Amino acid sequence: MKFFNPFEDIRITRHNLPHWQQPGATYFITFRMADSLPAEMLRELDSERERWRLHHPPPLSPEDEAEYHRLFSARVDQWLDDGHGSCFLRQSTLRGVVKESLNFFHDQRYELLSYVIMPNHVHALVVLHPDWLLEKVLYTWKRRTAGVINETLGVQGQFWKHDYFDRLIRDGDHLRNVIRYFRRNPTKAHLIESDFTLWESELAKAVA
């Protein structure tokens, strides 16, 4: 398992959000349904985030990265847990579609350590294969699931938000904290067992 190395090259890409990548690294990823957050909340957050970036150019120090996630990612996680939007993933059959897609390329393009499928978003912890880019993996997950879910629901249109959140795992303590966060997330969001799907590899169970 490879953690973030500040002395190696970092590939930084942008859509609406910056994404840091290193080949073969371990990632905490969040992707969400297109209607999962109200537009007015996101506009305010984006404005605050751009002001913050003006004073914190990359590469970010560990302290700056921690502040960024405390100010922005943590707020988004809380808003997602509040249950905005249609929350179609409360349905176990639709979560099954997502589960199948996450597992499809396990041990080929990435190694899954843990994931939790919530009513309107998904958290995943993966070790990426050195030959695969994170955005390609996310594209495959979303493409495979959106078509099946829309057909099942009898609807059309965008199911997933185009962008996603990701964070490079820095060390073993960070890894353990993320695994425990996944475990606590359904309780924090006041979900019952039928509302979510939590999966852990044997490695994740062993380290946390």
N, C-alpha and C. Protein backbone atom coordinates (compact mmCIF):
# COMPACT_ATOMS: atom_id res chain seq x y z
N MET A 1 0.84 -1.19 0.00
CA MET A 1 0.00 0.00 0.00
C MET A 1 0.88 1.24 0.00
N LYS A 2 0.58 2.17 -0.90
CA LYS A 2 1.38 3.37 -1.04
C LYS A 2 0.62 4.58 -0.53
N PHE A 3 1.27 5.38 0.32
CA PHE A 3 0.68 6.61 0.82
C PHE A 3 1.25 7.81 0.05
N PHE A 4 0.67 8.97 0.29
CA PHE A 4 1.13 10.20 -0.34
C PHE A 4 2.59 10.48 0.02
N ASN A 5 3.38 10.79 -0.99
CA ASN A 5 4.79 11.12 -0.79
C ASN A 5 5.01 12.57 -1.24
N PRO A 6 5.24 13.50 -0.32
CA PRO A 6 5.40 14.91 -0.71
C PRO A 6 6.64 15.18 -1.53
N PHE A 7 7.57 14.20 -1.61
CA PHE A 7 8.81 14.39 -2.35
C PHE A 7 8.72 13.84 -3.78
N GLU A 8 7.61 13.19 -4.12
CA GLU A 8 7.40 12.71 -5.48
C GLU A 8 6.58 13.72 -6.27
N ASP A 9 6.61 13.58 -7.60
CA ASP A 9 5.80 14.44 -8.46
C ASP A 9 4.32 14.24 -8.16
N ILE A 10 3.58 15.32 -8.27
CA ILE A 10 2.13 15.30 -8.06
C ILE A 10 1.45 15.75 -9.35
N ARG A 11 0.51 14.97 -9.81
CA ARG A 11 -0.29 15.36 -10.98
C ARG A 11 -1.55 16.04 -10.47
N ILE A 12 -1.72 17.32 -10.83
CA ILE A 12 -2.86 18.09 -10.37
C ILE A 12 -3.77 18.37 -11.56
N THR A 13 -5.02 17.93 -11.47
CA THR A 13 -6.00 18.19 -12.50
C THR A 13 -7.16 18.96 -11.90
N ARG A 14 -7.93 19.61 -12.77
CA ARG A 14 -9.07 20.39 -12.28
C ARG A 14 -10.28 20.15 -13.16
N HIS A 15 -11.43 20.09 -12.50
CA HIS A 15 -12.70 20.26 -13.18
C HIS A 15 -13.30 21.45 -12.45
N ASN A 16 -14.22 21.24 -11.55
CA ASN A 16 -14.60 22.31 -10.63
C ASN A 16 -13.71 22.30 -9.39
N LEU A 17 -13.09 21.15 -9.13
CA LEU A 17 -12.27 20.98 -7.93
C LEU A 17 -10.88 20.53 -8.32
N PRO A 18 -9.86 20.85 -7.51
CA PRO A 18 -8.51 20.33 -7.79
C PRO A 18 -8.41 18.87 -7.36
N HIS A 19 -7.66 18.08 -8.14
CA HIS A 19 -7.45 16.67 -7.82
C HIS A 19 -5.95 16.38 -7.88
N TRP A 20 -5.40 15.90 -6.77
CA TRP A 20 -3.99 15.56 -6.69
C TRP A 20 -3.83 14.06 -6.89
N GLN A 21 -2.85 13.69 -7.73
CA GLN A 21 -2.66 12.27 -7.99
C GLN A 21 -1.19 11.89 -7.97
N GLN A 22 -0.92 10.69 -7.47
CA GLN A 22 0.37 10.04 -7.58
C GLN A 22 0.12 8.59 -7.99
N PRO A 23 0.90 8.04 -8.90
CA PRO A 23 0.66 6.67 -9.38
C PRO A 23 0.67 5.65 -8.25
N GLY A 24 -0.37 4.81 -8.22
CA GLY A 24 -0.44 3.73 -7.25
C GLY A 24 -0.76 4.14 -5.83
N ALA A 25 -1.20 5.38 -5.64
CA ALA A 25 -1.47 5.87 -4.28
C ALA A 25 -2.83 5.40 -3.77
N THR A 26 -3.09 5.69 -2.51
CA THR A 26 -4.34 5.32 -1.84
C THR A 26 -5.20 6.57 -1.70
N TYR A 27 -6.51 6.45 -2.02
CA TYR A 27 -7.40 7.61 -2.10
C TYR A 27 -8.68 7.41 -1.29
N PHE A 28 -9.11 8.50 -0.69
CA PHE A 28 -10.45 8.62 -0.10
C PHE A 28 -11.26 9.42 -1.12
N ILE A 29 -12.30 8.81 -1.69
CA ILE A 29 -13.08 9.40 -2.78
C ILE A 29 -14.54 9.55 -2.35
N THR A 30 -15.13 10.66 -2.74
CA THR A 30 -16.57 10.87 -2.54
C THR A 30 -17.18 11.33 -3.85
N PHE A 31 -18.23 10.65 -4.31
CA PHE A 31 -19.01 11.16 -5.44
C PHE A 31 -20.48 11.11 -5.05
N ARG A 32 -21.26 12.00 -5.66
CA ARG A 32 -22.62 12.23 -5.17
C ARG A 32 -23.61 12.37 -6.31
N MET A 33 -24.90 12.21 -5.96
CA MET A 33 -25.96 12.40 -6.93
C MET A 33 -26.07 13.87 -7.34
N ALA A 34 -26.55 14.10 -8.56
CA ALA A 34 -26.58 15.45 -9.12
C ALA A 34 -27.48 16.39 -8.32
N ASP A 35 -28.53 15.87 -7.69
CA ASP A 35 -29.46 16.73 -6.96
C ASP A 35 -29.23 16.71 -5.46
N SER A 36 -28.04 16.27 -5.03
CA SER A 36 -27.81 16.01 -3.61
C SER A 36 -27.55 17.26 -2.78
N LEU A 37 -27.19 18.38 -3.41
CA LEU A 37 -26.92 19.61 -2.66
C LEU A 37 -27.61 20.79 -3.34
N PRO A 38 -28.27 21.66 -2.57
CA PRO A 38 -28.93 22.84 -3.14
C PRO A 38 -27.92 23.77 -3.80
N ALA A 39 -28.30 24.34 -4.93
CA ALA A 39 -27.39 25.18 -5.72
C ALA A 39 -26.93 26.41 -4.95
N GLU A 40 -27.82 27.00 -4.16
CA GLU A 40 -27.43 28.23 -3.45
C GLU A 40 -26.35 27.95 -2.40
N MET A 41 -26.40 26.79 -1.77
CA MET A 41 -25.36 26.42 -0.80
C MET A 41 -24.02 26.25 -1.50
N LEU A 42 -24.04 25.63 -2.67
CA LEU A 42 -22.80 25.39 -3.40
C LEU A 42 -22.20 26.69 -3.93
N ARG A 43 -23.03 27.61 -4.37
CA ARG A 43 -22.51 28.90 -4.85
C ARG A 43 -21.76 29.63 -3.74
N GLU A 44 -22.34 29.65 -2.56
CA GLU A 44 -21.68 30.30 -1.43
C GLU A 44 -20.37 29.61 -1.08
N LEU A 45 -20.39 28.27 -1.09
CA LEU A 45 -19.18 27.51 -0.78
C LEU A 45 -18.09 27.75 -1.82
N ASP A 46 -18.46 27.76 -3.10
CA ASP A 46 -17.48 27.97 -4.16
C ASP A 46 -16.83 29.34 -4.04
N SER A 47 -17.61 30.33 -3.69
CA SER A 47 -17.07 31.68 -3.53
C SER A 47 -16.05 31.72 -2.40
N GLU A 48 -16.39 31.10 -1.28
CA GLU A 48 -15.46 31.06 -0.14
C GLU A 48 -14.20 30.27 -0.50
N ARG A 49 -14.38 29.19 -1.24
CA ARG A 49 -13.24 28.34 -1.60
C ARG A 49 -12.27 29.07 -2.52
N GLU A 50 -12.78 29.85 -3.49
CA GLU A 50 -11.90 30.59 -4.39
C GLU A 50 -11.13 31.67 -3.64
N ARG A 51 -11.76 32.32 -2.68
CA ARG A 51 -11.05 33.32 -1.89
C ARG A 51 -9.93 32.67 -1.09
N TRP A 52 -10.20 31.49 -0.54
CA TRP A 52 -9.19 30.77 0.24
C TRP A 52 -8.01 30.37 -0.65
N ARG A 53 -8.28 29.91 -1.86
CA ARG A 53 -7.21 29.46 -2.76
C ARG A 53 -6.28 30.60 -3.17
N LEU A 54 -6.80 31.81 -3.24
CA LEU A 54 -5.95 32.94 -3.60
C LEU A 54 -4.81 33.12 -2.61
N HIS A 55 -5.04 32.73 -1.38
CA HIS A 55 -4.02 32.89 -0.34
C HIS A 55 -3.30 31.59 -0.02
N HIS A 56 -3.64 30.49 -0.72
CA HIS A 56 -3.02 29.19 -0.45
C HIS A 56 -2.73 28.49 -1.79
N PRO A 57 -1.75 29.00 -2.54
CA PRO A 57 -1.43 28.36 -3.83
C PRO A 57 -0.80 26.98 -3.64
N PRO A 58 -0.99 26.08 -4.60
CA PRO A 58 -0.38 24.75 -4.50
C PRO A 58 1.13 24.84 -4.73
N PRO A 59 1.88 23.85 -4.23
CA PRO A 59 1.39 22.69 -3.45
C PRO A 59 1.08 23.08 -2.01
N LEU A 60 0.01 22.50 -1.49
CA LEU A 60 -0.41 22.80 -0.12
C LEU A 60 0.44 22.05 0.89
N SER A 61 0.71 22.70 1.99
CA SER A 61 1.35 22.01 3.11
C SER A 61 0.34 21.08 3.77
N PRO A 62 0.79 20.10 4.56
CA PRO A 62 -0.18 19.26 5.28
C PRO A 62 -1.15 20.07 6.13
N GLU A 63 -0.67 21.17 6.72
CA GLU A 63 -1.53 22.00 7.55
C GLU A 63 -2.59 22.71 6.70
N ASP A 64 -2.15 23.22 5.52
CA ASP A 64 -3.11 23.88 4.63
C ASP A 64 -4.15 22.90 4.09
N GLU A 65 -3.70 21.69 3.75
CA GLU A 65 -4.64 20.70 3.24
C GLU A 65 -5.66 20.33 4.30
N ALA A 66 -5.20 20.17 5.56
CA ALA A 66 -6.12 19.86 6.65
C ALA A 66 -7.13 20.99 6.84
N GLU A 67 -6.67 22.23 6.72
CA GLU A 67 -7.58 23.37 6.86
C GLU A 67 -8.59 23.40 5.72
N TYR A 68 -8.13 23.12 4.50
CA TYR A 68 -9.03 23.09 3.34
C TYR A 68 -10.15 22.08 3.56
N HIS A 69 -9.81 20.88 3.98
CA HIS A 69 -10.83 19.85 4.16
C HIS A 69 -11.74 20.15 5.35
N ARG A 70 -11.19 20.80 6.38
CA ARG A 70 -12.04 21.18 7.52
C ARG A 70 -13.04 22.25 7.10
N LEU A 71 -12.59 23.22 6.30
CA LEU A 71 -13.46 24.34 5.93
C LEU A 71 -14.47 23.98 4.84
N PHE A 72 -14.08 23.07 3.94
CA PHE A 72 -14.90 22.84 2.75
C PHE A 72 -15.40 21.40 2.62
N SER A 73 -14.52 20.43 2.59
CA SER A 73 -14.96 19.04 2.41
C SER A 73 -15.86 18.59 3.55
N ALA A 74 -15.48 18.92 4.78
CA ALA A 74 -16.27 18.50 5.94
C ALA A 74 -17.66 19.11 5.91
N ARG A 75 -17.77 20.35 5.43
CA ARG A 75 -19.09 20.99 5.34
C ARG A 75 -19.95 20.29 4.30
N VAL A 76 -19.35 19.94 3.16
CA VAL A 76 -20.10 19.23 2.14
C VAL A 76 -20.56 17.88 2.66
N ASP A 77 -19.68 17.16 3.37
CA ASP A 77 -20.07 15.86 3.94
C ASP A 77 -21.27 16.02 4.87
N GLN A 78 -21.28 17.07 5.68
CA GLN A 78 -22.41 17.28 6.58
C GLN A 78 -23.68 17.57 5.80
N TRP A 79 -23.59 18.39 4.77
CA TRP A 79 -24.77 18.70 3.95
C TRP A 79 -25.30 17.43 3.28
N LEU A 80 -24.39 16.58 2.80
CA LEU A 80 -24.83 15.32 2.18
C LEU A 80 -25.55 14.45 3.20
N ASP A 81 -25.02 14.39 4.40
CA ASP A 81 -25.64 13.56 5.44
C ASP A 81 -27.00 14.10 5.87
N ASP A 82 -27.26 15.37 5.59
CA ASP A 82 -28.57 15.95 5.93
C ASP A 82 -29.68 15.41 5.03
N GLY A 83 -29.31 14.75 3.93
CA GLY A 83 -30.29 14.05 3.11
C GLY A 83 -31.02 14.89 2.09
N HIS A 84 -30.32 15.83 1.46
CA HIS A 84 -30.95 16.64 0.41
C HIS A 84 -31.15 15.80 -0.86
N GLY A 85 -32.07 16.23 -1.70
CA GLY A 85 -32.28 15.59 -2.99
C GLY A 85 -33.19 14.37 -2.92
N SER A 86 -33.24 13.65 -4.02
CA SER A 86 -34.15 12.51 -4.15
C SER A 86 -33.71 11.29 -3.34
N CYS A 87 -32.42 11.16 -3.07
CA CYS A 87 -31.89 10.06 -2.24
C CYS A 87 -32.35 8.69 -2.75
N PHE A 88 -32.26 8.48 -4.06
CA PHE A 88 -32.70 7.22 -4.64
C PHE A 88 -31.90 6.02 -4.13
N LEU A 89 -30.69 6.27 -3.64
CA LEU A 89 -29.86 5.15 -3.20
C LEU A 89 -30.30 4.59 -1.85
N ARG A 90 -31.37 5.09 -1.31
CA ARG A 90 -31.99 4.40 -0.17
C ARG A 90 -32.51 3.03 -0.60
N GLN A 91 -32.79 2.88 -1.89
CA GLN A 91 -33.32 1.61 -2.40
C GLN A 91 -32.18 0.60 -2.53
N SER A 92 -32.34 -0.54 -1.90
CA SER A 92 -31.26 -1.53 -1.88
C SER A 92 -30.91 -2.04 -3.28
N THR A 93 -31.90 -2.13 -4.17
CA THR A 93 -31.61 -2.62 -5.52
C THR A 93 -30.70 -1.64 -6.27
N LEU A 94 -30.90 -0.35 -6.06
CA LEU A 94 -30.05 0.65 -6.73
C LEU A 94 -28.66 0.69 -6.10
N ARG A 95 -28.59 0.51 -4.80
CA ARG A 95 -27.26 0.41 -4.17
C ARG A 95 -26.53 -0.82 -4.68
N GLY A 96 -27.28 -1.87 -5.00
CA GLY A 96 -26.68 -3.07 -5.56
C GLY A 96 -26.02 -2.81 -6.90
N VAL A 97 -26.60 -1.92 -7.70
CA VAL A 97 -26.00 -1.54 -8.98
C VAL A 97 -24.66 -0.86 -8.74
N VAL A 98 -24.61 0.04 -7.76
CA VAL A 98 -23.37 0.73 -7.44
C VAL A 98 -22.34 -0.25 -6.88
N LYS A 99 -22.78 -1.12 -6.02
CA LYS A 99 -21.87 -2.12 -5.44
C LYS A 99 -21.25 -2.99 -6.52
N GLU A 100 -22.05 -3.43 -7.48
CA GLU A 100 -21.53 -4.27 -8.56
C GLU A 100 -20.48 -3.53 -9.37
N SER A 101 -20.71 -2.23 -9.62
CA SER A 101 -19.76 -1.45 -10.40
C SER A 101 -18.46 -1.23 -9.65
N LEU A 102 -18.55 -0.94 -8.36
CA LEU A 102 -17.34 -0.74 -7.56
C LEU A 102 -16.49 -2.00 -7.53
N ASN A 103 -17.14 -3.15 -7.46
CA ASN A 103 -16.42 -4.41 -7.34
C ASN A 103 -15.92 -4.96 -8.68
N PHE A 104 -16.43 -4.43 -9.79
CA PHE A 104 -16.20 -5.04 -11.10
C PHE A 104 -14.71 -5.08 -11.46
N PHE A 105 -13.99 -3.99 -11.22
CA PHE A 105 -12.57 -3.94 -11.57
C PHE A 105 -11.65 -4.02 -10.35
N HIS A 106 -12.19 -4.51 -9.24
CA HIS A 106 -11.38 -4.74 -8.04
C HIS A 106 -10.28 -5.76 -8.38
N ASP A 107 -9.07 -5.47 -7.93
CA ASP A 107 -7.88 -6.29 -8.18
C ASP A 107 -7.40 -6.21 -9.63
N GLN A 108 -7.98 -5.29 -10.42
CA GLN A 108 -7.49 -5.07 -11.78
C GLN A 108 -7.04 -3.61 -11.96
N ARG A 109 -7.98 -2.68 -11.78
CA ARG A 109 -7.64 -1.26 -11.92
C ARG A 109 -7.34 -0.62 -10.56
N TYR A 110 -7.78 -1.25 -9.51
CA TYR A 110 -7.61 -0.73 -8.16
C TYR A 110 -7.87 -1.86 -7.17
N GLU A 111 -7.48 -1.60 -5.92
CA GLU A 111 -7.83 -2.51 -4.83
C GLU A 111 -8.79 -1.77 -3.90
N LEU A 112 -9.97 -2.31 -3.74
CA LEU A 112 -10.94 -1.72 -2.82
C LEU A 112 -10.59 -2.06 -1.38
N LEU A 113 -10.55 -1.05 -0.53
CA LEU A 113 -10.34 -1.28 0.89
C LEU A 113 -11.66 -1.18 1.66
N SER A 114 -12.47 -0.20 1.29
CA SER A 114 -13.77 -0.03 1.96
C SER A 114 -14.63 0.93 1.15
N TYR A 115 -15.95 0.80 1.32
CA TYR A 115 -16.85 1.80 0.76
C TYR A 115 -18.14 1.80 1.56
N VAL A 116 -18.83 2.93 1.52
CA VAL A 116 -20.16 3.04 2.10
C VAL A 116 -21.04 3.78 1.10
N ILE A 117 -22.16 3.15 0.74
CA ILE A 117 -23.11 3.73 -0.20
C ILE A 117 -24.25 4.32 0.61
N MET A 118 -24.34 5.64 0.60
CA MET A 118 -25.34 6.37 1.37
C MET A 118 -26.52 6.74 0.45
N PRO A 119 -27.59 7.30 0.98
CA PRO A 119 -28.76 7.59 0.14
C PRO A 119 -28.51 8.52 -1.04
N ASN A 120 -27.55 9.46 -0.91
CA ASN A 120 -27.33 10.40 -2.02
C ASN A 120 -25.85 10.56 -2.38
N HIS A 121 -24.97 9.71 -1.83
CA HIS A 121 -23.55 9.81 -2.16
C HIS A 121 -22.85 8.51 -1.82
N VAL A 122 -21.59 8.43 -2.27
CA VAL A 122 -20.78 7.24 -2.05
C VAL A 122 -19.40 7.67 -1.58
N HIS A 123 -18.90 7.00 -0.54
CA HIS A 123 -17.50 7.15 -0.12
C HIS A 123 -16.78 5.85 -0.46
N ALA A 124 -15.57 5.96 -1.01
CA ALA A 124 -14.78 4.78 -1.33
C ALA A 124 -13.33 5.01 -0.94
N LEU A 125 -12.67 3.95 -0.50
CA LEU A 125 -11.26 3.98 -0.14
C LEU A 125 -10.56 2.95 -1.03
N VAL A 126 -9.68 3.41 -1.91
CA VAL A 126 -9.08 2.53 -2.91
C VAL A 126 -7.59 2.76 -3.04
N VAL A 127 -6.88 1.68 -3.39
CA VAL A 127 -5.48 1.77 -3.82
C VAL A 127 -5.49 1.67 -5.34
N LEU A 128 -5.08 2.73 -6.00
CA LEU A 128 -5.19 2.79 -7.46
C LEU A 128 -4.01 2.06 -8.12
N HIS A 129 -4.31 1.30 -9.17
CA HIS A 129 -3.25 0.66 -9.95
C HIS A 129 -2.41 1.75 -10.62
N PRO A 130 -1.08 1.62 -10.65
CA PRO A 130 -0.23 2.68 -11.22
C PRO A 130 -0.56 3.05 -12.66
N ASP A 131 -1.15 2.13 -13.42
CA ASP A 131 -1.45 2.40 -14.83
C ASP A 131 -2.79 3.10 -15.04
N TRP A 132 -3.54 3.34 -13.96
CA TRP A 132 -4.87 3.92 -14.11
C TRP A 132 -4.96 5.29 -13.45
N LEU A 133 -5.67 6.22 -14.14
CA LEU A 133 -5.90 7.55 -13.60
C LEU A 133 -7.22 7.56 -12.83
N LEU A 134 -7.25 8.35 -11.79
CA LEU A 134 -8.43 8.39 -10.93
C LEU A 134 -9.67 8.82 -11.70
N GLU A 135 -9.54 9.83 -12.57
CA GLU A 135 -10.72 10.31 -13.29
C GLU A 135 -11.29 9.25 -14.23
N LYS A 136 -10.44 8.37 -14.75
CA LYS A 136 -10.92 7.29 -15.61
C LYS A 136 -11.72 6.26 -14.81
N VAL A 137 -11.24 5.96 -13.61
CA VAL A 137 -11.96 5.03 -12.75
C VAL A 137 -13.32 5.60 -12.36
N LEU A 138 -13.36 6.88 -11.98
CA LEU A 138 -14.63 7.51 -11.61
C LEU A 138 -15.58 7.55 -12.79
N TYR A 139 -15.07 7.85 -13.97
CA TYR A 139 -15.92 7.88 -15.17
C TYR A 139 -16.57 6.52 -15.40
N THR A 140 -15.79 5.46 -15.24
CA THR A 140 -16.33 4.12 -15.44
C THR A 140 -17.41 3.81 -14.42
N TRP A 141 -17.17 4.10 -13.15
CA TRP A 141 -18.17 3.86 -12.12
C TRP A 141 -19.48 4.58 -12.46
N LYS A 142 -19.36 5.85 -12.78
CA LYS A 142 -20.57 6.65 -13.00
C LYS A 142 -21.30 6.23 -14.27
N ARG A 143 -20.56 5.98 -15.34
CA ARG A 143 -21.19 5.58 -16.59
C ARG A 143 -21.92 4.26 -16.45
N ARG A 144 -21.28 3.29 -15.79
CA ARG A 144 -21.89 1.97 -15.65
C ARG A 144 -23.16 2.02 -14.81
N THR A 145 -23.18 2.87 -13.81
CA THR A 145 -24.32 2.90 -12.89
C THR A 145 -25.45 3.81 -13.34
N ALA A 146 -25.12 4.97 -13.91
CA ALA A 146 -26.15 5.95 -14.24
C ALA A 146 -27.17 5.39 -15.23
N GLY A 147 -26.68 4.71 -16.26
CA GLY A 147 -27.60 4.18 -17.26
C GLY A 147 -28.55 3.14 -16.68
N VAL A 148 -28.00 2.22 -15.88
CA VAL A 148 -28.83 1.16 -15.30
C VAL A 148 -29.84 1.75 -14.32
N ILE A 149 -29.40 2.68 -13.48
CA ILE A 149 -30.30 3.25 -12.47
C ILE A 149 -31.40 4.08 -13.13
N ASN A 150 -31.04 4.90 -14.11
CA ASN A 150 -32.07 5.69 -14.79
C ASN A 150 -33.09 4.80 -15.48
N GLU A 151 -32.61 3.72 -16.10
CA GLU A 151 -33.54 2.79 -16.76
C GLU A 151 -34.44 2.13 -15.74
N THR A 152 -33.89 1.74 -14.60
CA THR A 152 -34.69 1.11 -13.55
C THR A 152 -35.76 2.05 -13.02
N LEU A 153 -35.39 3.32 -12.87
CA LEU A 153 -36.33 4.32 -12.34
C LEU A 153 -37.28 4.84 -13.41
N GLY A 154 -36.95 4.61 -14.67
CA GLY A 154 -37.78 5.14 -15.76
C GLY A 154 -37.63 6.63 -15.93
N VAL A 155 -36.42 7.14 -15.69
CA VAL A 155 -36.18 8.58 -15.81
C VAL A 155 -35.00 8.81 -16.75
N GLN A 156 -34.81 10.09 -17.13
CA GLN A 156 -33.69 10.49 -17.95
C GLN A 156 -32.97 11.65 -17.28
N GLY A 157 -31.76 11.94 -17.76
CA GLY A 157 -31.04 13.09 -17.23
C GLY A 157 -29.82 12.67 -16.42
N GLN A 158 -29.17 13.66 -15.87
CA GLN A 158 -27.92 13.46 -15.14
C GLN A 158 -28.19 12.85 -13.77
N PHE A 159 -27.61 11.69 -13.51
CA PHE A 159 -27.79 11.06 -12.20
C PHE A 159 -26.70 11.48 -11.22
N TRP A 160 -25.44 11.44 -11.67
CA TRP A 160 -24.31 11.80 -10.80
C TRP A 160 -23.83 13.21 -11.09
N LYS A 161 -23.39 13.91 -10.07
CA LYS A 161 -22.67 15.17 -10.25
C LYS A 161 -21.38 14.87 -11.01
N HIS A 162 -21.00 15.75 -11.95
CA HIS A 162 -19.84 15.47 -12.79
C HIS A 162 -18.55 15.36 -11.99
N ASP A 163 -18.36 16.22 -11.00
CA ASP A 163 -17.10 16.22 -10.28
C ASP A 163 -17.15 15.28 -9.09
N TYR A 164 -16.07 15.22 -8.35
CA TYR A 164 -15.95 14.35 -7.19
C TYR A 164 -14.91 14.94 -6.24
N PHE A 165 -14.93 14.48 -5.01
CA PHE A 165 -13.92 14.86 -4.02
C PHE A 165 -12.94 13.71 -3.85
N ASP A 166 -11.67 14.04 -3.72
CA ASP A 166 -10.69 12.99 -3.44
C ASP A 166 -9.61 13.55 -2.52
N ARG A 167 -9.00 12.65 -1.77
CA ARG A 167 -7.91 13.04 -0.88
C ARG A 167 -6.90 11.90 -0.82
N LEU A 168 -5.63 12.24 -1.05
CA LEU A 168 -4.57 11.25 -0.93
C LEU A 168 -4.39 10.86 0.53
N ILE A 169 -4.30 9.56 0.80
CA ILE A 169 -4.07 9.09 2.17
C ILE A 169 -2.60 9.26 2.51
N ARG A 170 -2.33 9.93 3.64
CA ARG A 170 -0.96 10.32 3.97
C ARG A 170 -0.18 9.26 4.73
N ASP A 171 -0.86 8.51 5.59
CA ASP A 171 -0.14 7.54 6.41
C ASP A 171 -1.14 6.57 7.03
N GLY A 172 -0.63 5.66 7.86
CA GLY A 172 -1.49 4.65 8.46
C GLY A 172 -2.56 5.23 9.35
N ASP A 173 -2.24 6.26 10.10
CA ASP A 173 -3.24 6.88 10.98
C ASP A 173 -4.37 7.49 10.16
N HIS A 174 -4.02 8.15 9.07
CA HIS A 174 -5.04 8.73 8.19
C HIS A 174 -5.93 7.63 7.63
N LEU A 175 -5.31 6.53 7.21
CA LEU A 175 -6.07 5.39 6.68
C LEU A 175 -7.07 4.87 7.70
N ARG A 176 -6.61 4.65 8.93
CA ARG A 176 -7.50 4.13 9.98
C ARG A 176 -8.63 5.10 10.27
N ASN A 177 -8.34 6.39 10.28
CA ASN A 177 -9.38 7.38 10.54
C ASN A 177 -10.46 7.37 9.46
N VAL A 178 -10.05 7.18 8.20
CA VAL A 178 -11.03 7.14 7.11
C VAL A 178 -11.91 5.90 7.22
N ILE A 179 -11.32 4.75 7.51
CA ILE A 179 -12.10 3.52 7.67
C ILE A 179 -13.13 3.68 8.79
N ARG A 180 -12.71 4.27 9.88
CA ARG A 180 -13.63 4.48 11.01
C ARG A 180 -14.70 5.50 10.66
N TYR A 181 -14.33 6.50 9.85
CA TYR A 181 -15.33 7.48 9.40
C TYR A 181 -16.42 6.79 8.60
N PHE A 182 -16.04 5.89 7.69
CA PHE A 182 -17.03 5.15 6.92
C PHE A 182 -17.98 4.39 7.84
N ARG A 183 -17.43 3.76 8.86
CA ARG A 183 -18.25 2.98 9.78
C ARG A 183 -19.25 3.86 10.54
N ARG A 184 -18.81 5.06 10.91
CA ARG A 184 -19.65 5.95 11.71
C ARG A 184 -20.63 6.75 10.86
N ASN A 185 -20.36 6.89 9.57
CA ASN A 185 -21.14 7.78 8.73
C ASN A 185 -22.64 7.49 8.75
N PRO A 186 -23.08 6.24 8.61
CA PRO A 186 -24.53 5.99 8.65
C PRO A 186 -25.19 6.41 9.97
N THR A 187 -24.50 6.16 11.07
CA THR A 187 -25.05 6.57 12.38
C THR A 187 -25.11 8.08 12.47
N LYS A 188 -24.05 8.75 12.01
CA LYS A 188 -24.00 10.21 12.02
C LYS A 188 -25.14 10.80 11.20
N ALA A 189 -25.52 10.12 10.12
CA ALA A 189 -26.60 10.59 9.25
C ALA A 189 -27.97 10.08 9.69
N HIS A 190 -28.03 9.37 10.83
CA HIS A 190 -29.29 8.86 11.40
C HIS A 190 -30.01 7.89 10.45
N LEU A 191 -29.22 7.01 9.84
CA LEU A 191 -29.79 6.03 8.92
C LEU A 191 -30.07 4.72 9.62
N ILE A 192 -31.07 4.00 9.13
CA ILE A 192 -31.32 2.64 9.58
C ILE A 192 -30.59 1.68 8.64
N GLU A 193 -30.47 0.42 9.02
CA GLU A 193 -29.63 -0.52 8.30
C GLU A 193 -30.04 -0.70 6.84
N SER A 194 -31.32 -0.56 6.55
CA SER A 194 -31.80 -0.76 5.18
C SER A 194 -31.52 0.43 4.26
N ASP A 195 -30.97 1.53 4.80
CA ASP A 195 -30.75 2.75 4.03
C ASP A 195 -29.35 2.86 3.43
N PHE A 196 -28.43 1.97 3.80
CA PHE A 196 -27.04 2.12 3.37
C PHE A 196 -26.39 0.76 3.17
N THR A 197 -25.24 0.75 2.51
CA THR A 197 -24.43 -0.46 2.34
C THR A 197 -23.00 -0.14 2.71
N LEU A 198 -22.47 -0.84 3.69
CA LEU A 198 -21.08 -0.68 4.13
C LEU A 198 -20.33 -1.97 3.82
N TRP A 199 -19.17 -1.83 3.17
CA TRP A 199 -18.33 -2.99 2.86
C TRP A 199 -16.89 -2.69 3.26
N GLU A 200 -16.20 -3.69 3.81
CA GLU A 200 -14.80 -3.57 4.17
C GLU A 200 -14.04 -4.79 3.73
N SER A 201 -12.82 -4.58 3.22
CA SER A 201 -11.93 -5.71 2.92
C SER A 201 -11.38 -6.27 4.23
N GLU A 202 -10.78 -7.44 4.13
CA GLU A 202 -10.16 -8.02 5.32
C GLU A 202 -9.02 -7.14 5.82
N LEU A 203 -8.31 -6.50 4.89
CA LEU A 203 -7.23 -5.61 5.29
C LEU A 203 -7.75 -4.42 6.09
N ALA A 204 -8.86 -3.84 5.61
CA ALA A 204 -9.45 -2.69 6.32
C ALA A 204 -9.89 -3.10 7.72
N LYS A 205 -10.47 -4.28 7.84
CA LYS A 205 -10.90 -4.76 9.15
C LYS A 205 -9.71 -4.95 10.08
N ALA A 206 -8.60 -5.41 9.49
CA ALA A 206 -7.42 -5.70 10.31
C ALA A 206 -6.72 -4.44 10.80
N VAL A 207 -6.66 -3.40 9.96
CA VAL A 207 -5.88 -2.22 10.34
C VAL A 207 -6.68 -1.26 11.21
N ALA A 208 -8.01 -1.34 11.17
CA ALA A 208 -8.82 -0.40 11.94
C ALA A 208 -9.73 -1.12 12.91
